[in-house]
Amino acid sequence: MSIATANTLARGKQAEDVACRYLMENGLKLIEKNYKCRGGEIDLVMQHDNSIVFVEVRYRHNNRFGSGAESVIKRKQKRLILTALHYLQSHKESAGSASRFDVISIQAGFDKTDIEWIQNAFQT
């Protein structure tokens, strides 16, 4: 693994940790981090009231190529939806719960003012 790849992965993990703390401060409860299946990965699986929230975390050093939220394109949304369906099928206790997809976009600096939380970012 190259140094650049290692740095990118470290920044991604740091962004996920910041997003998780931010969401917990706003009333969500962490269920699982980095849920993986053959079709993809969901950064955070959380509970908000009676809903399961699948959270995609995006970090951007700058917005030159668009915000982190703008990078969650249709292809990525499809993978997230399929991974969420796998999660729900694998966790029968959650299958009857309402669910939604949120996106956390973090701009460089990891300051709370650089966090954009988009609830119900897209639909199935």
PDB file of N, CA and C in Angstrom:
ATOM      1  N   MET A   1       0.859  -1.177   0.000  1.00  0.00           N
ATOM      2  CA  MET A   1       0.000   0.000   0.000  1.00  0.00           C
ATOM      3  C   MET A   1       0.900   1.233   0.000  1.00  0.00           C
ATOM      4  N   SER A   2       0.560   2.171  -0.849  1.00  0.00           N
ATOM      5  CA  SER A   2       1.358   3.388  -0.941  1.00  0.00           C
ATOM      6  C   SER A   2       1.075   4.311   0.250  1.00  0.00           C
ATOM      7  N   ILE A   3       1.962   5.251   0.473  1.00  0.00           N
ATOM      8  CA  ILE A   3       1.782   6.228   1.547  1.00  0.00           C
ATOM      9  C   ILE A   3       0.541   7.065   1.294  1.00  0.00           C
ATOM     10  N   ALA A   4       0.324   7.451   0.026  1.00  0.00           N
ATOM     11  CA  ALA A   4      -0.863   8.257  -0.313  1.00  0.00           C
ATOM     12  C   ALA A   4      -2.146   7.498  -0.003  1.00  0.00           C
ATOM     13  N   THR A   5      -2.194   6.207  -0.333  1.00  0.00           N
ATOM     14  CA  THR A   5      -3.373   5.389  -0.046  1.00  0.00           C
ATOM     15  C   THR A   5      -3.585   5.265   1.452  1.00  0.00           C
ATOM     16  N   ALA A   6      -2.508   5.034   2.197  1.00  0.00           N
ATOM     17  CA  ALA A   6      -2.604   4.922   3.658  1.00  0.00           C
ATOM     18  C   ALA A   6      -3.120   6.228   4.259  1.00  0.00           C
ATOM     19  N   ASN A   7      -2.625   7.360   3.763  1.00  0.00           N
ATOM     20  CA  ASN A   7      -3.092   8.655   4.262  1.00  0.00           C
ATOM     21  C   ASN A   7      -4.569   8.875   3.959  1.00  0.00           C
ATOM     22  N   THR A   8      -4.995   8.491   2.763  1.00  0.00           N
ATOM     23  CA  THR A   8      -6.402   8.633   2.377  1.00  0.00           C
ATOM     24  C   THR A   8      -7.293   7.778   3.273  1.00  0.00           C
ATOM     25  N   LEU A   9      -6.863   6.547   3.531  1.00  0.00           N
ATOM     26  CA  LEU A   9      -7.644   5.669   4.409  1.00  0.00           C
ATOM     27  C   LEU A   9      -7.706   6.224   5.832  1.00  0.00           C
ATOM     28  N   ALA A  10      -6.607   6.760   6.313  1.00  0.00           N
ATOM     29  CA  ALA A  10      -6.580   7.341   7.665  1.00  0.00           C
ATOM     30  C   ALA A  10      -7.511   8.547   7.754  1.00  0.00           C
ATOM     31  N   ARG A  11      -7.495   9.413   6.726  1.00  0.00           N
ATOM     32  CA  ARG A  11      -8.408  10.571   6.723  1.00  0.00           C
ATOM     33  C   ARG A  11      -9.861  10.112   6.662  1.00  0.00           C
ATOM     34  N   GLY A  12     -10.120   9.072   5.885  1.00  0.00           N
ATOM     35  CA  GLY A  12     -11.480   8.541   5.796  1.00  0.00           C
ATOM     36  C   GLY A  12     -11.968   8.014   7.135  1.00  0.00           C
ATOM     37  N   LYS A  13     -11.119   7.269   7.827  1.00  0.00           N
ATOM     38  CA  LYS A  13     -11.496   6.750   9.150  1.00  0.00           C
ATOM     39  C   LYS A  13     -11.717   7.895  10.130  1.00  0.00           C
ATOM     40  N   GLN A  14     -10.840   8.902  10.068  1.00  0.00           N
ATOM     41  CA  GLN A  14     -10.997  10.055  10.954  1.00  0.00           C
ATOM     42  C   GLN A  14     -12.319  10.771  10.662  1.00  0.00           C
ATOM     43  N   ALA A  15     -12.659  10.927   9.402  1.00  0.00           N
ATOM     44  CA  ALA A  15     -13.917  11.571   9.026  1.00  0.00           C
ATOM     45  C   ALA A  15     -15.107  10.757   9.534  1.00  0.00           C
ATOM     46  N   GLU A  16     -15.042   9.435   9.433  1.00  0.00           N
ATOM     47  CA  GLU A  16     -16.120   8.580   9.940  1.00  0.00           C
ATOM     48  C   GLU A  16     -16.265   8.728  11.449  1.00  0.00           C
ATOM     49  N   ASP A  17     -15.147   8.810  12.162  1.00  0.00           N
ATOM     50  CA  ASP A  17     -15.194   8.989  13.618  1.00  0.00           C
ATOM     51  C   ASP A  17     -15.829  10.331  13.986  1.00  0.00           C
ATOM     52  N   VAL A  18     -15.447  11.383  13.262  1.00  0.00           N
ATOM     53  CA  VAL A  18     -16.020  12.712  13.510  1.00  0.00           C
ATOM     54  C   VAL A  18     -17.517  12.694  13.232  1.00  0.00           C
ATOM     55  N   ALA A  19     -17.911  12.083  12.128  1.00  0.00           N
ATOM     56  CA  ALA A  19     -19.328  12.004  11.764  1.00  0.00           C
ATOM     57  C   ALA A  19     -20.118  11.221  12.811  1.00  0.00           C
ATOM     58  N   CYS A  20     -19.562  10.125  13.277  1.00  0.00           N
ATOM     59  CA  CYS A  20     -20.232   9.302  14.283  1.00  0.00           C
ATOM     60  C   CYS A  20     -20.468  10.094  15.569  1.00  0.00           C
ATOM     61  N   ARG A  21     -19.429  10.781  16.047  1.00  0.00           N
ATOM     62  CA  ARG A  21     -19.581  11.590  17.257  1.00  0.00           C
ATOM     63  C   ARG A  21     -20.629  12.687  17.052  1.00  0.00           C
ATOM     64  N   TYR A  22     -20.576  13.333  15.903  1.00  0.00           N
ATOM     65  CA  TYR A  22     -21.527  14.405  15.584  1.00  0.00           C
ATOM     66  C   TYR A  22     -22.967  13.876  15.608  1.00  0.00           C
ATOM     67  N   LEU A  23     -23.196  12.737  14.990  1.00  0.00           N
ATOM     68  CA  LEU A  23     -24.549  12.169  14.951  1.00  0.00           C
ATOM     69  C   LEU A  23     -24.998  11.724  16.345  1.00  0.00           C
ATOM     70  N   MET A  24     -24.093  11.168  17.123  1.00  0.00           N
ATOM     71  CA  MET A  24     -24.456  10.757  18.481  1.00  0.00           C
ATOM     72  C   MET A  24     -24.801  11.974  19.332  1.00  0.00           C
ATOM     73  N   GLU A  25     -24.086  13.071  19.130  1.00  0.00           N
ATOM     74  CA  GLU A  25     -24.406  14.312  19.843  1.00  0.00           C
ATOM     75  C   GLU A  25     -25.776  14.852  19.437  1.00  0.00           C
ATOM     76  N   ASN A  26     -26.238  14.429  18.270  1.00  0.00           N
ATOM     77  CA  ASN A  26     -27.540  14.869  17.769  1.00  0.00           C
ATOM     78  C   ASN A  26     -28.622  13.806  17.945  1.00  0.00           C
ATOM     79  N   GLY A  27     -28.395  12.847  18.845  1.00  0.00           N
ATOM     80  CA  GLY A  27     -29.440  11.923  19.252  1.00  0.00           C
ATOM     81  C   GLY A  27     -29.473  10.572  18.573  1.00  0.00           C
ATOM     82  N   LEU A  28     -28.552  10.275  17.679  1.00  0.00           N
ATOM     83  CA  LEU A  28     -28.531   8.963  17.048  1.00  0.00           C
ATOM     84  C   LEU A  28     -27.689   8.007  17.880  1.00  0.00           C
ATOM     85  N   LYS A  29     -27.959   6.719  17.738  1.00  0.00           N
ATOM     86  CA  LYS A  29     -27.231   5.691  18.474  1.00  0.00           C
ATOM     87  C   LYS A  29     -26.503   4.802  17.463  1.00  0.00           C
ATOM     88  N   LEU A  30     -25.220   4.584  17.701  1.00  0.00           N
ATOM     89  CA  LEU A  30     -24.436   3.745  16.812  1.00  0.00           C
ATOM     90  C   LEU A  30     -24.834   2.278  16.968  1.00  0.00           C
ATOM     91  N   ILE A  31     -25.089   1.641  15.844  1.00  0.00           N
ATOM     92  CA  ILE A  31     -25.348   0.202  15.820  1.00  0.00           C
ATOM     93  C   ILE A  31     -24.102  -0.523  15.324  1.00  0.00           C
ATOM     94  N   GLU A  32     -23.544  -0.025  14.212  1.00  0.00           N
ATOM     95  CA  GLU A  32     -22.399  -0.706  13.614  1.00  0.00           C
ATOM     96  C   GLU A  32     -21.618   0.257  12.718  1.00  0.00           C
ATOM     97  N   LYS A  33     -20.300   0.073  12.713  1.00  0.00           N
ATOM     98  CA  LYS A  33     -19.420   0.835  11.810  1.00  0.00           C
ATOM     99  C   LYS A  33     -18.943  -0.084  10.700  1.00  0.00           C
ATOM    100  N   ASN A  34     -18.828   0.458   9.523  1.00  0.00           N
ATOM    101  CA  ASN A  34     -18.259  -0.230   8.373  1.00  0.00           C
ATOM    102  C   ASN A  34     -18.875  -1.606   8.115  1.00  0.00           C
ATOM    103  N   TYR A  35     -20.192  -1.624   7.943  1.00  0.00           N
ATOM    104  CA  TYR A  35     -20.876  -2.873   7.604  1.00  0.00           C
ATOM    105  C   TYR A  35     -20.519  -3.235   6.165  1.00  0.00           C
ATOM    106  N   LYS A  36     -19.997  -4.432   5.983  1.00  0.00           N
ATOM    107  CA  LYS A  36     -19.560  -4.875   4.655  1.00  0.00           C
ATOM    108  C   LYS A  36     -20.281  -6.141   4.244  1.00  0.00           C
ATOM    109  N   CYS A  37     -20.553  -6.191   2.961  1.00  0.00           N
ATOM    110  CA  CYS A  37     -21.008  -7.425   2.342  1.00  0.00           C
ATOM    111  C   CYS A  37     -20.406  -7.450   0.942  1.00  0.00           C
ATOM    112  N   ARG A  38     -20.692  -8.464   0.206  1.00  0.00           N
ATOM    113  CA  ARG A  38     -20.088  -8.607  -1.107  1.00  0.00           C
ATOM    114  C   ARG A  38     -20.368  -7.399  -2.012  1.00  0.00           C
ATOM    115  N   GLY A  39     -21.532  -6.800  -1.887  1.00  0.00           N
ATOM    116  CA  GLY A  39     -21.930  -5.713  -2.772  1.00  0.00           C
ATOM    117  C   GLY A  39     -21.428  -4.333  -2.398  1.00  0.00           C
ATOM    118  N   GLY A  40     -20.934  -4.156  -1.176  1.00  0.00           N
ATOM    119  CA  GLY A  40     -20.493  -2.822  -0.797  1.00  0.00           C
ATOM    120  C   GLY A  40     -20.288  -2.664   0.689  1.00  0.00           C
ATOM    121  N   GLU A  41     -20.226  -1.418   1.107  1.00  0.00           N
ATOM    122  CA  GLU A  41     -19.977  -1.084   2.510  1.00  0.00           C
ATOM    123  C   GLU A  41     -20.812   0.130   2.892  1.00  0.00           C
ATOM    124  N   ILE A  42     -21.318   0.104   4.115  1.00  0.00           N
ATOM    125  CA  ILE A  42     -22.016   1.255   4.685  1.00  0.00           C
ATOM    126  C   ILE A  42     -21.156   1.748   5.839  1.00  0.00           C
ATOM    127  N   ASP A  43     -20.831   3.033   5.806  1.00  0.00           N
ATOM    128  CA  ASP A  43     -19.912   3.587   6.800  1.00  0.00           C
ATOM    129  C   ASP A  43     -20.456   3.472   8.218  1.00  0.00           C
ATOM    130  N   LEU A  44     -21.691   3.919   8.421  1.00  0.00           N
ATOM    131  CA  LEU A  44     -22.302   3.886   9.753  1.00  0.00           C
ATOM    132  C   LEU A  44     -23.734   3.384   9.646  1.00  0.00           C
ATOM    133  N   VAL A  45     -24.090   2.483  10.540  1.00  0.00           N
ATOM    134  CA  VAL A  45     -25.479   2.070  10.695  1.00  0.00           C
ATOM    135  C   VAL A  45     -25.886   2.575  12.068  1.00  0.00           C
ATOM    136  N   MET A  46     -26.921   3.414  12.093  1.00  0.00           N
ATOM    137  CA  MET A  46     -27.310   4.063  13.339  1.00  0.00           C
ATOM    138  C   MET A  46     -28.815   3.943  13.545  1.00  0.00           C
ATOM    139  N   GLN A  47     -29.233   4.232  14.754  1.00  0.00           N
ATOM    140  CA  GLN A  47     -30.658   4.253  15.067  1.00  0.00           C
ATOM    141  C   GLN A  47     -31.048   5.663  15.463  1.00  0.00           C
ATOM    142  N   HIS A  48     -32.151   6.139  14.890  1.00  0.00           N
ATOM    143  CA  HIS A  48     -32.698   7.451  15.218  1.00  0.00           C
ATOM    144  C   HIS A  48     -34.170   7.245  15.516  1.00  0.00           C
ATOM    145  N   ASP A  49     -34.531   7.368  16.777  1.00  0.00           N
ATOM    146  CA  ASP A  49     -35.876   7.021  17.238  1.00  0.00           C
ATOM    147  C   ASP A  49     -36.153   5.577  16.837  1.00  0.00           C
ATOM    148  N   ASN A  50     -37.166   5.329  16.014  1.00  0.00           N
ATOM    149  CA  ASN A  50     -37.489   3.962  15.610  1.00  0.00           C
ATOM    150  C   ASN A  50     -36.990   3.618  14.215  1.00  0.00           C
ATOM    151  N   SER A  51     -36.103   4.438  13.666  1.00  0.00           N
ATOM    152  CA  SER A  51     -35.611   4.221  12.303  1.00  0.00           C
ATOM    153  C   SER A  51     -34.155   3.756  12.299  1.00  0.00           C
ATOM    154  N   ILE A  52     -33.842   2.906  11.331  1.00  0.00           N
ATOM    155  CA  ILE A  52     -32.464   2.528  11.058  1.00  0.00           C
ATOM    156  C   ILE A  52     -31.945   3.532  10.031  1.00  0.00           C
ATOM    157  N   VAL A  53     -30.787   4.115  10.305  1.00  0.00           N
ATOM    158  CA  VAL A  53     -30.212   5.132   9.424  1.00  0.00           C
ATOM    159  C   VAL A  53     -28.898   4.603   8.864  1.00  0.00           C
ATOM    160  N   PHE A  54     -28.839   4.524   7.537  1.00  0.00           N
ATOM    161  CA  PHE A  54     -27.628   4.111   6.848  1.00  0.00           C
ATOM    162  C   PHE A  54     -26.909   5.392   6.420  1.00  0.00           C
ATOM    163  N   VAL A  55     -25.681   5.566   6.916  1.00  0.00           N
ATOM    164  CA  VAL A  55     -24.974   6.832   6.731  1.00  0.00           C
ATOM    165  C   VAL A  55     -23.743   6.643   5.845  1.00  0.00           C
ATOM    166  N   GLU A  56     -23.678   7.440   4.799  1.00  0.00           N
ATOM    167  CA  GLU A  56     -22.490   7.515   3.946  1.00  0.00           C
ATOM    168  C   GLU A  56     -21.725   8.769   4.343  1.00  0.00           C
ATOM    169  N   VAL A  57     -20.438   8.606   4.684  1.00  0.00           N
ATOM    170  CA  VAL A  57     -19.599   9.726   5.093  1.00  0.00           C
ATOM    171  C   VAL A  57     -18.661  10.063   3.945  1.00  0.00           C
ATOM    172  N   ARG A  58     -18.630  11.340   3.577  1.00  0.00           N
ATOM    173  CA  ARG A  58     -17.756  11.809   2.503  1.00  0.00           C
ATOM    174  C   ARG A  58     -16.889  12.946   3.005  1.00  0.00           C
ATOM    175  N   TYR A  59     -15.601  12.826   2.767  1.00  0.00           N
ATOM    176  CA  TYR A  59     -14.637  13.851   3.161  1.00  0.00           C
ATOM    177  C   TYR A  59     -14.074  14.495   1.901  1.00  0.00           C
ATOM    178  N   ARG A  60     -13.961  15.788   1.931  1.00  0.00           N
ATOM    179  CA  ARG A  60     -13.348  16.526   0.824  1.00  0.00           C
ATOM    180  C   ARG A  60     -12.329  17.509   1.377  1.00  0.00           C
ATOM    181  N   HIS A  61     -11.142  17.492   0.798  1.00  0.00           N
ATOM    182  CA  HIS A  61     -10.110  18.454   1.176  1.00  0.00           C
ATOM    183  C   HIS A  61     -10.518  19.853   0.710  1.00  0.00           C
ATOM    184  N   ASN A  62     -11.140  19.907  -0.470  1.00  0.00           N
ATOM    185  CA  ASN A  62     -11.697  21.161  -0.977  1.00  0.00           C
ATOM    186  C   ASN A  62     -12.871  20.825  -1.896  1.00  0.00           C
ATOM    187  N   ASN A  63     -13.640  21.824  -2.262  1.00  0.00           N
ATOM    188  CA  ASN A  63     -14.828  21.606  -3.093  1.00  0.00           C
ATOM    189  C   ASN A  63     -14.570  21.853  -4.574  1.00  0.00           C
ATOM    190  N   ARG A  64     -13.333  21.828  -4.973  1.00  0.00           N
ATOM    191  CA  ARG A  64     -12.999  22.107  -6.369  1.00  0.00           C
ATOM    192  C   ARG A  64     -13.744  21.181  -7.331  1.00  0.00           C
ATOM    193  N   PHE A  65     -13.939  19.931  -6.933  1.00  0.00           N
ATOM    194  CA  PHE A  65     -14.648  18.973  -7.787  1.00  0.00           C
ATOM    195  C   PHE A  65     -16.039  18.660  -7.246  1.00  0.00           C
ATOM    196  N   GLY A  66     -16.583  19.555  -6.438  1.00  0.00           N
ATOM    197  CA  GLY A  66     -17.906  19.357  -5.849  1.00  0.00           C
ATOM    198  C   GLY A  66     -17.793  18.934  -4.397  1.00  0.00           C
ATOM    199  N   SER A  67     -18.895  19.062  -3.707  1.00  0.00           N
ATOM    200  CA  SER A  67     -18.916  18.690  -2.290  1.00  0.00           C
ATOM    201  C   SER A  67     -18.920  17.174  -2.144  1.00  0.00           C
ATOM    202  N   GLY A  68     -18.679  16.728  -0.927  1.00  0.00           N
ATOM    203  CA  GLY A  68     -18.751  15.301  -0.650  1.00  0.00           C
ATOM    204  C   GLY A  68     -20.126  14.743  -0.948  1.00  0.00           C
ATOM    205  N   ALA A  69     -21.154  15.506  -0.602  1.00  0.00           N
ATOM    206  CA  ALA A  69     -22.528  15.056  -0.845  1.00  0.00           C
ATOM    207  C   ALA A  69     -22.795  14.876  -2.334  1.00  0.00           C
ATOM    208  N   GLU A  70     -22.247  15.759  -3.144  1.00  0.00           N
ATOM    209  CA  GLU A  70     -22.455  15.668  -4.593  1.00  0.00           C
ATOM    210  C   GLU A  70     -21.776  14.439  -5.195  1.00  0.00           C
ATOM    211  N   SER A  71     -20.834  13.858  -4.471  1.00  0.00           N
ATOM    212  CA  SER A  71     -20.124  12.689  -4.992  1.00  0.00           C
ATOM    213  C   SER A  71     -20.893  11.379  -4.777  1.00  0.00           C
ATOM    214  N   VAL A  72     -22.015  11.434  -4.094  1.00  0.00           N
ATOM    215  CA  VAL A  72     -22.827  10.228  -3.898  1.00  0.00           C
ATOM    216  C   VAL A  72     -23.770  10.128  -5.097  1.00  0.00           C
ATOM    217  N   ILE A  73     -23.199   9.649  -6.180  1.00  0.00           N
ATOM    218  CA  ILE A  73     -23.930   9.579  -7.452  1.00  0.00           C
ATOM    219  C   ILE A  73     -24.846   8.355  -7.484  1.00  0.00           C
ATOM    220  N   LYS A  74     -25.658   8.260  -8.515  1.00  0.00           N
ATOM    221  CA  LYS A  74     -26.653   7.179  -8.622  1.00  0.00           C
ATOM    222  C   LYS A  74     -26.035   5.793  -8.455  1.00  0.00           C
ATOM    223  N   ARG A  75     -24.887   5.554  -9.067  1.00  0.00           N
ATOM    224  CA  ARG A  75     -24.244   4.244  -8.969  1.00  0.00           C
ATOM    225  C   ARG A  75     -23.911   3.917  -7.512  1.00  0.00           C
ATOM    226  N   LYS A  76     -23.387   4.903  -6.769  1.00  0.00           N
ATOM    227  CA  LYS A  76     -23.070   4.708  -5.352  1.00  0.00           C
ATOM    228  C   LYS A  76     -24.349   4.492  -4.550  1.00  0.00           C
ATOM    229  N   GLN A  77     -25.389   5.262  -4.864  1.00  0.00           N
ATOM    230  CA  GLN A  77     -26.668   5.101  -4.176  1.00  0.00           C
ATOM    231  C   GLN A  77     -27.203   3.680  -4.351  1.00  0.00           C
ATOM    232  N   LYS A  78     -27.098   3.150  -5.561  1.00  0.00           N
ATOM    233  CA  LYS A  78     -27.572   1.789  -5.830  1.00  0.00           C
ATOM    234  C   LYS A  78     -26.833   0.772  -4.976  1.00  0.00           C
ATOM    235  N   ARG A  79     -25.507   0.924  -4.881  1.00  0.00           N
ATOM    236  CA  ARG A  79     -24.719   0.005  -4.048  1.00  0.00           C
ATOM    237  C   ARG A  79     -25.105   0.117  -2.585  1.00  0.00           C
ATOM    238  N   LEU A  80     -25.318   1.357  -2.114  1.00  0.00           N
ATOM    239  CA  LEU A  80     -25.725   1.549  -0.719  1.00  0.00           C
ATOM    240  C   LEU A  80     -27.079   0.895  -0.452  1.00  0.00           C
ATOM    241  N   ILE A  81     -27.994   1.043  -1.373  1.00  0.00           N
ATOM    242  CA  ILE A  81     -29.325   0.448  -1.215  1.00  0.00           C
ATOM    243  C   ILE A  81     -29.221  -1.077  -1.144  1.00  0.00           C
ATOM    244  N   LEU A  82     -28.451  -1.670  -2.048  1.00  0.00           N
ATOM    245  CA  LEU A  82     -28.292  -3.129  -2.033  1.00  0.00           C
ATOM    246  C   LEU A  82     -27.617  -3.606  -0.752  1.00  0.00           C
ATOM    247  N   THR A  83     -26.630  -2.860  -0.277  1.00  0.00           N
ATOM    248  CA  THR A  83     -25.949  -3.224   0.967  1.00  0.00           C
ATOM    249  C   THR A  83     -26.895  -3.082   2.153  1.00  0.00           C
ATOM    250  N   ALA A  84     -27.719  -2.039   2.152  1.00  0.00           N
ATOM    251  CA  ALA A  84     -28.701  -1.853   3.224  1.00  0.00           C
ATOM    252  C   ALA A  84     -29.722  -2.989   3.227  1.00  0.00           C
ATOM    253  N   LEU A  85     -30.158  -3.408   2.057  1.00  0.00           N
ATOM    254  CA  LEU A  85     -31.087  -4.542   1.976  1.00  0.00           C
ATOM    255  C   LEU A  85     -30.441  -5.806   2.544  1.00  0.00           C
ATOM    256  N   HIS A  86     -29.178  -6.012   2.240  1.00  0.00           N
ATOM    257  CA  HIS A  86     -28.453  -7.158   2.793  1.00  0.00           C
ATOM    258  C   HIS A  86     -28.405  -7.057   4.313  1.00  0.00           C
ATOM    259  N   TYR A  87     -28.111  -5.858   4.824  1.00  0.00           N
ATOM    260  CA  TYR A  87     -28.075  -5.657   6.274  1.00  0.00           C
ATOM    261  C   TYR A  87     -29.419  -6.021   6.902  1.00  0.00           C
ATOM    262  N   LEU A  88     -30.490  -5.510   6.321  1.00  0.00           N
ATOM    263  CA  LEU A  88     -31.823  -5.757   6.883  1.00  0.00           C
ATOM    264  C   LEU A  88     -32.187  -7.240   6.824  1.00  0.00           C
ATOM    265  N   GLN A  89     -31.794  -7.919   5.758  1.00  0.00           N
ATOM    266  CA  GLN A  89     -32.073  -9.352   5.650  1.00  0.00           C
ATOM    267  C   GLN A  89     -31.235 -10.155   6.631  1.00  0.00           C
ATOM    268  N   SER A  90     -30.044  -9.666   6.944  1.00  0.00           N
ATOM    269  CA  SER A  90     -29.142 -10.364   7.869  1.00  0.00           C
ATOM    270  C   SER A  90     -29.442 -10.057   9.330  1.00  0.00           C
ATOM    271  N   HIS A  91     -30.163  -8.980   9.575  1.00  0.00           N
ATOM    272  CA  HIS A  91     -30.492  -8.554  10.932  1.00  0.00           C
ATOM    273  C   HIS A  91     -32.015  -8.485  11.051  1.00  0.00           C
ATOM    274  N   LYS A  92     -32.607  -9.630  11.247  1.00  0.00           N
ATOM    275  CA  LYS A  92     -34.072  -9.741  11.245  1.00  0.00           C
ATOM    276  C   LYS A  92     -34.741  -8.806  12.247  1.00  0.00           C
ATOM    277  N   GLU A  93     -34.062  -8.504  13.364  1.00  0.00           N
ATOM    278  CA  GLU A  93     -34.646  -7.614  14.370  1.00  0.00           C
ATOM    279  C   GLU A  93     -34.828  -6.195  13.831  1.00  0.00           C
ATOM    280  N   SER A  94     -34.103  -5.839  12.778  1.00  0.00           N
ATOM    281  CA  SER A  94     -34.210  -4.501  12.187  1.00  0.00           C
ATOM    282  C   SER A  94     -35.119  -4.460  10.968  1.00  0.00           C
ATOM    283  N   ALA A  95     -35.485  -5.617  10.459  1.00  0.00           N
ATOM    284  CA  ALA A  95     -36.196  -5.697   9.183  1.00  0.00           C
ATOM    285  C   ALA A  95     -37.530  -4.943   9.184  1.00  0.00           C
ATOM    286  N   GLY A  96     -38.211  -4.873  10.305  1.00  0.00           N
ATOM    287  CA  GLY A  96     -39.500  -4.192  10.344  1.00  0.00           C
ATOM    288  C   GLY A  96     -39.412  -2.702  10.595  1.00  0.00           C
ATOM    289  N   SER A  97     -38.214  -2.211  10.840  1.00  0.00           N
ATOM    290  CA  SER A  97     -38.027  -0.792  11.155  1.00  0.00           C
ATOM    291  C   SER A  97     -38.066   0.065   9.896  1.00  0.00           C
ATOM    292  N   ALA A  98     -38.486   1.304  10.083  1.00  0.00           N
ATOM    293  CA  ALA A  98     -38.348   2.276   8.995  1.00  0.00           C
ATOM    294  C   ALA A  98     -36.855   2.511   8.797  1.00  0.00           C
ATOM    295  N   SER A  99     -36.478   2.913   7.599  1.00  0.00           N
ATOM    296  CA  SER A  99     -35.068   3.191   7.361  1.00  0.00           C
ATOM    297  C   SER A  99     -34.918   4.377   6.421  1.00  0.00           C
ATOM    298  N   ARG A 100     -33.725   4.957   6.450  1.00  0.00           N
ATOM    299  CA  ARG A 100     -33.435   6.082   5.564  1.00  0.00           C
ATOM    300  C   ARG A 100     -31.938   6.114   5.298  1.00  0.00           C
ATOM    301  N   PHE A 101     -31.571   6.901   4.284  1.00  0.00           N
ATOM    302  CA  PHE A 101     -30.175   7.081   3.908  1.00  0.00           C
ATOM    303  C   PHE A 101     -29.790   8.531   4.151  1.00  0.00           C
ATOM    304  N   ASP A 102     -28.778   8.734   4.982  1.00  0.00           N
ATOM    305  CA  ASP A 102     -28.255  10.067   5.249  1.00  0.00           C
ATOM    306  C   ASP A 102     -26.843  10.161   4.692  1.00  0.00           C
ATOM    307  N   VAL A 103     -26.439  11.373   4.364  1.00  0.00           N
ATOM    308  CA  VAL A 103     -25.075  11.628   3.928  1.00  0.00           C
ATOM    309  C   VAL A 103     -24.484  12.691   4.846  1.00  0.00           C
ATOM    310  N   ILE A 104     -23.282  12.419   5.315  1.00  0.00           N
ATOM    311  CA  ILE A 104     -22.508  13.404   6.064  1.00  0.00           C
ATOM    312  C   ILE A 104     -21.358  13.816   5.162  1.00  0.00           C
ATOM    313  N   SER A 105     -21.299  15.091   4.853  1.00  0.00           N
ATOM    314  CA  SER A 105     -20.227  15.637   4.034  1.00  0.00           C
ATOM    315  C   SER A 105     -19.355  16.512   4.930  1.00  0.00           C
ATOM    316  N   ILE A 106     -18.060  16.201   4.958  1.00  0.00           N
ATOM    317  CA  ILE A 106     -17.132  16.927   5.821  1.00  0.00           C
ATOM    318  C   ILE A 106     -16.086  17.603   4.951  1.00  0.00           C
ATOM    319  N   GLN A 107     -15.979  18.902   5.129  1.00  0.00           N
ATOM    320  CA  GLN A 107     -14.955  19.695   4.455  1.00  0.00           C
ATOM    321  C   GLN A 107     -13.682  19.651   5.295  1.00  0.00           C
ATOM    322  N   ALA A 108     -12.542  19.801   4.697  1.00  0.00           N
ATOM    323  CA  ALA A 108     -11.258  19.748   5.401  1.00  0.00           C
ATOM    324  C   ALA A 108     -11.285  20.584   6.675  1.00  0.00           C
ATOM    325  N   GLY A 109     -10.636  20.081   7.687  1.00  0.00           N
ATOM    326  CA  GLY A 109     -10.540  20.809   8.937  1.00  0.00           C
ATOM    327  C   GLY A 109     -11.208  20.076  10.089  1.00  0.00           C
ATOM    328  N   PHE A 110     -12.172  19.232   9.801  1.00  0.00           N
ATOM    329  CA  PHE A 110     -12.884  18.454  10.807  1.00  0.00           C
ATOM    330  C   PHE A 110     -13.515  19.308  11.899  1.00  0.00           C
ATOM    331  N   ASP A 111     -13.833  20.538  11.584  1.00  0.00           N
ATOM    332  CA  ASP A 111     -14.523  21.425  12.515  1.00  0.00           C
ATOM    333  C   ASP A 111     -16.023  21.188  12.344  1.00  0.00           C
ATOM    334  N   LYS A 112     -16.773  21.283  13.406  1.00  0.00           N
ATOM    335  CA  LYS A 112     -18.218  21.038  13.326  1.00  0.00           C
ATOM    336  C   LYS A 112     -18.907  21.951  12.317  1.00  0.00           C
ATOM    337  N   THR A 113     -18.338  23.119  12.090  1.00  0.00           N
ATOM    338  CA  THR A 113     -18.944  24.026  11.116  1.00  0.00           C
ATOM    339  C   THR A 113     -18.712  23.535   9.692  1.00  0.00           C
ATOM    340  N   ASP A 114     -17.841  22.545   9.525  1.00  0.00           N
ATOM    341  CA  ASP A 114     -17.549  21.999   8.207  1.00  0.00           C
ATOM    342  C   ASP A 114     -18.305  20.707   7.936  1.00  0.00           C
ATOM    343  N   ILE A 115     -19.324  20.418   8.738  1.00  0.00           N
ATOM    344  CA  ILE A 115     -20.104  19.199   8.583  1.00  0.00           C
ATOM    345  C   ILE A 115     -21.474  19.560   8.025  1.00  0.00           C
ATOM    346  N   GLU A 116     -21.832  18.872   6.941  1.00  0.00           N
ATOM    347  CA  GLU A 116     -23.174  19.019   6.370  1.00  0.00           C
ATOM    348  C   GLU A 116     -23.876  17.670   6.520  1.00  0.00           C
ATOM    349  N   TRP A 117     -25.011  17.669   7.211  1.00  0.00           N
ATOM    350  CA  TRP A 117     -25.777  16.445   7.445  1.00  0.00           C
ATOM    351  C   TRP A 117     -27.037  16.517   6.597  1.00  0.00           C
ATOM    352  N   ILE A 118     -27.142  15.627   5.642  1.00  0.00           N
ATOM    353  CA  ILE A 118     -28.312  15.577   4.766  1.00  0.00           C
ATOM    354  C   ILE A 118     -29.118  14.342   5.142  1.00  0.00           C
ATOM    355  N   GLN A 119     -30.263  14.565   5.767  1.00  0.00           N
ATOM    356  CA  GLN A 119     -31.142  13.466   6.135  1.00  0.00           C
ATOM    357  C   GLN A 119     -32.009  13.119   4.922  1.00  0.00           C
ATOM    358  N   ASN A 120     -32.327  11.838   4.796  1.00  0.00           N
ATOM    359  CA  ASN A 120     -33.110  11.370   3.639  1.00  0.00           C
ATOM    360  C   ASN A 120     -32.484  11.864   2.350  1.00  0.00           C
ATOM    361  N   ALA A 121     -31.193  11.656   2.214  1.00  0.00           N
ATOM    362  CA  ALA A 121     -30.439  12.172   1.070  1.00  0.00           C
ATOM    363  C   ALA A 121     -30.928  11.602  -0.261  1.00  0.00           C
ATOM    364  N   PHE A 122     -31.414  10.372  -0.222  1.00  0.00           N
ATOM    365  CA  PHE A 122     -31.986   9.752  -1.424  1.00  0.00           C
ATOM    366  C   PHE A 122     -32.946   8.663  -1.011  1.00  0.00           C
ATOM    367  N   GLN A 123     -33.778   8.242  -1.930  1.00  0.00           N
ATOM    368  CA  GLN A 123     -34.809   7.245  -1.661  1.00  0.00           C
ATOM    369  C   GLN A 123     -34.516   5.958  -2.437  1.00  0.00           C
ATOM    370  N   THR A 124     -35.098   4.866  -1.961  1.00  0.00           N
ATOM    371  CA  THR A 124     -34.951   3.591  -2.676  1.00  0.00           C
ATOM    372  C   THR A 124     -35.891   3.546  -3.856  1.00  0.00           C
TER     373      THR A 124
END
